[in-house]
Each structure stands twice: as C-alpha cells, then as structure tokens.
C-alpha cells in the first residue's frame, strides 16, 4: 500500500491525506464552460509491478451523479481528457416504461409497464464505478476490494445507495465483501477509455437486468456520452421481463450453462430450459451458424459461400431469438450479394445492417461505415464481384 502518487500532471504534490483537487487552469481553459471539474483522489493506493492503482472520484460528473475510477495515474490523465469529462453538459437519464419486480428463480428484475417497440431505448445511464481490467487481473483480491469500497463510498449518496442495492447472488457478511461481490456479479465490459486497456463498469439500473440466451434487449456503451444504453431488439409485451445476454449466446446449451456458472446462477431462459428435443434442435442450429460463419468469412477462392448461405444465416439468427446480433448476418448477406454483383439485394441487406447495427451496437462502428460505403457506391466496394464464380444463389 502507498500514498497516492502525483496523479495528474497538473497536481503539484502527492497528498498525505484524502483531498479534493481542482483541475489546472490549462485544463479549465480548454473546457468550453471554462469551469474545471473537481476530482477526489483517495490517499490509499496499491502497487503491482511498476504500476500504482488508486481511486479517483468525480462527484460532480453528470449533474452530480458522480463516478469513481480505479486506475493508474497515466490512465486517469487520459480519461479526464475525454469529451464527457471536459464538458458540463450532462447526459439525461433515459428510464423507459419499466418497474422493478421479483422474478421467480432470479430475484429482482425489470418488467415493462407498457408495450415497447423494436429499437426503443429503454435505459441510458452513466456508470457509478469504472475499473481497469488490468487492475482486476493484477491486484490481489483484498487490495482490489479495499479500493472498490473506497470508490463506492466516495460516490454521492444517491448513486452509492443504488449500487449497494444490487444483487450479490449469495449474500455477504461484511460491507467489503458485499461491494466486491456486487462488482464481480454486475459489471460490464465497456471497452478502452484510456486508449490502451479495457475497463469494467458498474451501473445502477442497467445491472438490474437479468440474463437470457434469447434476450429481448441489446446494450452498448457510447464513449462520447460515457453512457450505457439498453435498446429493445424486438417488440416487448406488457409485463414481460427485460433481458440481455451476459455471454455469447451463439454456443451450445452445455457450454452456455458452464460459462454462466461464473456469474453465480443457473440459466432458466427459454433456450436453456427447453426439452431434450428442442435443445438438440437448438444446438444443431448453433452448429450450423458456426459452419456458415466459417464459410462466409472465407474470402479466398477456395470458399464455397453463396448468398443462399447468408440468407439461411439470417433465418437461423431469427429462429434462435438472436435479434440482438442480426446485423452480423445482414452484413454477411450484403457482402455475398455484392460479391456477385447484385446491387439491389446487397443494398437491402446493407441498409438493414446499418439500421440494426446503429440501434443495437451504437453509431460509428467500423462495420457500419463499410456498409455505408456499399450503399454510397456499390461498384467501388472492395467486395464488388469478388464471388463472381458463384452463380448458385
């Protein structure tokens, strides 16, 4: 354990006590509002190898919701320069028509209070706690739990209380154990925020959504607004529970159950609780999806891929209730159709890929840009006529 390091280039000294710091005048002058944000740097840090990991809290973030990070000084210096932290514009909460309810066999969950349409954003929330994946891997568990407690306790009371109400699945004897279990049970991977390593983030409301291998919602992290967004991937009926996939659902049942044990529960979703005949059919569909992926993603002359295979892939995604990832299938269909020069069919699937990809994965993704290129100029697309030897569609 060590005292907090010279956390930012603009901090003049290492704190001997827990203190609040305003960002430097240089930082403030670059902020469009001309008002620096304030960061609370906890005095307790832990060293692992060459790195020191500390807790940093911005209680003013997003109109006083607050956020805590556990990261190195180098990481936090990059993070604080992101647009979400350089602007005073808050990210409005989106809380759709749902309520918290007790779900048989699952504990608490969220159910809709009125019918929801495909593509509707149900939740948009900024995180309460963000932890570098390297931090989780590198620190000893008791060291990480110590920092987790400090990170949560330093949050504004309302956000802190929301986090402490999240499930631990099997209870906890102490506050420290409870915070650690909440983080490990409910956090989401939200990508790289410092341009280098991945991070895991904990959200109050989003983390209340239970898992399903046939989810009715998708989620994505918007790095511009620093928010997690939950979107309906199909029409959801009144009283239906919201669900997302905690793991890759394109796996056979036995493998899904094995992976979900790490989350501390046994999946009771429609796919996992099906009878033996239905399970065998579903597993065969998964196997066929994987075979089609392999063939369709082979762009060499040895591939036997056809548009018919891509169309079959779309139908399998829908049959298995994988609408949250259907943009993947439409992408492959667009590639196959443009590969034999069928502009109309290729454009149809490219447009669907852009539509669902933007809704379910967020804007600006590389695959979306590639499909927009196809729509803008089909004959200049890199895959134009590359499958011309295949005529069986």
Foldseek 3Di string as FASTA:
>chain_A
DFFAACQEPQRDGGDPAWDKDWGDQVLLVPQPVSGTFIKTWHGDWDDFPPFIWTKIKGCPQQNRQIAIETDTSLQVNLLCPAQSNSYNDHDDWAAAQWDWDQDVQPGIFIFGQAKDAALDWHTKFAFRYKYFPVCVVGDDLVNVLVRLLVSLVPYPPVNSVLLLPADLLPDDDDPSRSSSSSQQQQWDWQQRSRVPTTMITHHRRVSRHAAALQFQWFWHADSNNNIIIIGGLHIHHRGDTGHYHPDNSLAQLVVSQVVCVSSVHGDPHPQNVDDPVSSVVLRVLSVLLVVLCVLLVDLDPPGPDALVSLVVNLVSCVVSNVSLPSLVSLLSNLLRCQLQPNLVRNLVSLVVSLVSCCSRHNPDDPSNVLSVVCNVPVCPRPNHNSVNVDDDD
